[in-house]
Amino acid sequence: MSLLVGIPLLLFEAIAQSAILPHLRLFGGTVNLILLTVLCWNLVDERSDALGWAFAGGVFSDLLSAGP
């Protein structure tokens, strides 16, 4: 995943995950878009830079979440 695609995509998903997805329930829980994106991208891409993308997605998610 290139930086020009990855950073805006993970930022958009973090915003959607904190603003929209808590209202959409699936079997009593919510979907973690960042986890699904990093997992799918790691399965498709041959380079193993998923740890860095998971860290960046986690930072975005933490900055935008309302939890403690």
C-alpha atoms as a PDB file:
ATOM      1  CA  MET A   1       0.000   0.000   0.000  1.00  0.00           C
ATOM      2  CA  SER A   2       1.533   3.298  -0.995  1.00  0.00           C
ATOM      3  CA  LEU A   3       1.571   6.286   1.326  1.00  0.00           C
ATOM      4  CA  LEU A   4      -0.695   8.273  -0.996  1.00  0.00           C
ATOM      5  CA  VAL A   5      -3.371   5.588  -0.729  1.00  0.00           C
ATOM      6  CA  GLY A   6      -2.781   4.192   2.745  1.00  0.00           C
ATOM      7  CA  ILE A   7      -2.783   7.292   4.935  1.00  0.00           C
ATOM      8  CA  PRO A   8      -6.015   8.851   3.581  1.00  0.00           C
ATOM      9  CA  LEU A   9      -7.732   5.460   3.464  1.00  0.00           C
ATOM     10  CA  LEU A  10      -6.904   4.621   7.077  1.00  0.00           C
ATOM     11  CA  LEU A  11      -7.810   8.141   8.200  1.00  0.00           C
ATOM     12  CA  PHE A  12     -11.190   7.937   6.439  1.00  0.00           C
ATOM     13  CA  GLU A  13     -11.826   4.516   7.976  1.00  0.00           C
ATOM     14  CA  ALA A  14     -10.927   5.779  11.444  1.00  0.00           C
ATOM     15  CA  ILE A  15     -13.382   8.655  11.044  1.00  0.00           C
ATOM     16  CA  ALA A  16     -16.106   6.310   9.801  1.00  0.00           C
ATOM     17  CA  GLN A  17     -15.350   3.830  12.570  1.00  0.00           C
ATOM     18  CA  SER A  18     -15.687   6.450  15.284  1.00  0.00           C
ATOM     19  CA  ALA A  19     -18.648   8.375  13.833  1.00  0.00           C
ATOM     20  CA  ILE A  20     -20.862   6.016  11.830  1.00  0.00           C
ATOM     21  CA  LEU A  21     -20.134   2.394  12.669  1.00  0.00           C
ATOM     22  CA  PRO A  22     -21.052   2.490  16.381  1.00  0.00           C
ATOM     23  CA  HIS A  23     -24.657   2.967  15.250  1.00  0.00           C
ATOM     24  CA  LEU A  24     -24.574  -0.062  12.934  1.00  0.00           C
ATOM     25  CA  ARG A  25     -24.677  -3.323  14.867  1.00  0.00           C
ATOM     26  CA  LEU A  26     -23.770  -6.707  13.391  1.00  0.00           C
ATOM     27  CA  PHE A  27     -24.519  -9.638  15.703  1.00  0.00           C
ATOM     28  CA  GLY A  28     -24.265  -7.318  18.710  1.00  0.00           C
ATOM     29  CA  GLY A  29     -20.889  -5.850  17.767  1.00  0.00           C
ATOM     30  CA  THR A  30     -19.320  -3.390  15.361  1.00  0.00           C
ATOM     31  CA  VAL A  31     -17.017  -3.882  12.398  1.00  0.00           C
ATOM     32  CA  ASN A  32     -13.360  -2.877  12.704  1.00  0.00           C
ATOM     33  CA  LEU A  33     -12.627  -1.445   9.258  1.00  0.00           C
ATOM     34  CA  ILE A  34      -8.984  -0.712   9.948  1.00  0.00           C
ATOM     35  CA  LEU A  35      -8.267  -4.272  11.015  1.00  0.00           C
ATOM     36  CA  LEU A  36     -10.063  -5.697   7.978  1.00  0.00           C
ATOM     37  CA  THR A  37      -8.258  -3.358   5.586  1.00  0.00           C
ATOM     38  CA  VAL A  38      -4.798  -4.077   6.971  1.00  0.00           C
ATOM     39  CA  LEU A  39      -5.487  -7.813   7.044  1.00  0.00           C
ATOM     40  CA  CYS A  40      -6.810  -7.914   3.467  1.00  0.00           C
ATOM     41  CA  TRP A  41      -4.042  -5.691   2.147  1.00  0.00           C
ATOM     42  CA  ASN A  42      -1.424  -7.902   3.820  1.00  0.00           C
ATOM     43  CA  LEU A  43      -2.929 -11.005   2.219  1.00  0.00           C
ATOM     44  CA  VAL A  44      -2.893  -9.393  -1.239  1.00  0.00           C
ATOM     45  CA  ASP A  45       0.442  -7.550  -1.066  1.00  0.00           C
ATOM     46  CA  GLU A  46       3.625  -9.598  -1.057  1.00  0.00           C
ATOM     47  CA  ARG A  47       5.614  -7.156   1.059  1.00  0.00           C
ATOM     48  CA  SER A  48       5.088  -7.486   4.782  1.00  0.00           C
ATOM     49  CA  ASP A  49       4.686  -3.879   5.886  1.00  0.00           C
ATOM     50  CA  ALA A  50       1.353  -4.552   7.567  1.00  0.00           C
ATOM     51  CA  LEU A  51       2.766  -3.898  11.035  1.00  0.00           C
ATOM     52  CA  GLY A  52       3.453  -0.262  10.173  1.00  0.00           C
ATOM     53  CA  TRP A  53       0.000   0.176   8.639  1.00  0.00           C
ATOM     54  CA  ALA A  54      -1.626  -1.465  11.649  1.00  0.00           C
ATOM     55  CA  PHE A  55       0.271   0.927  13.928  1.00  0.00           C
ATOM     56  CA  ALA A  56      -0.770   3.955  11.844  1.00  0.00           C
ATOM     57  CA  GLY A  57      -4.383   2.795  11.797  1.00  0.00           C
ATOM     58  CA  GLY A  58      -4.310   2.264  15.548  1.00  0.00           C
ATOM     59  CA  VAL A  59      -2.948   5.760  16.118  1.00  0.00           C
ATOM     60  CA  PHE A  60      -5.668   7.261  13.906  1.00  0.00           C
ATOM     61  CA  SER A  61      -8.322   5.224  15.686  1.00  0.00           C
ATOM     62  CA  ASP A  62      -7.057   6.257  19.120  1.00  0.00           C
ATOM     63  CA  LEU A  63      -6.909   9.931  18.202  1.00  0.00           C
ATOM     64  CA  LEU A  64     -10.501   9.936  16.951  1.00  0.00           C
ATOM     65  CA  SER A  65     -12.159   7.671  19.507  1.00  0.00           C
ATOM     66  CA  ALA A  66     -14.202   9.043  22.370  1.00  0.00           C
ATOM     67  CA  GLY A  67     -13.173   6.300  24.772  1.00  0.00           C
ATOM     68  CA  PRO A  68     -10.603   6.599  27.546  1.00  0.00           C
END
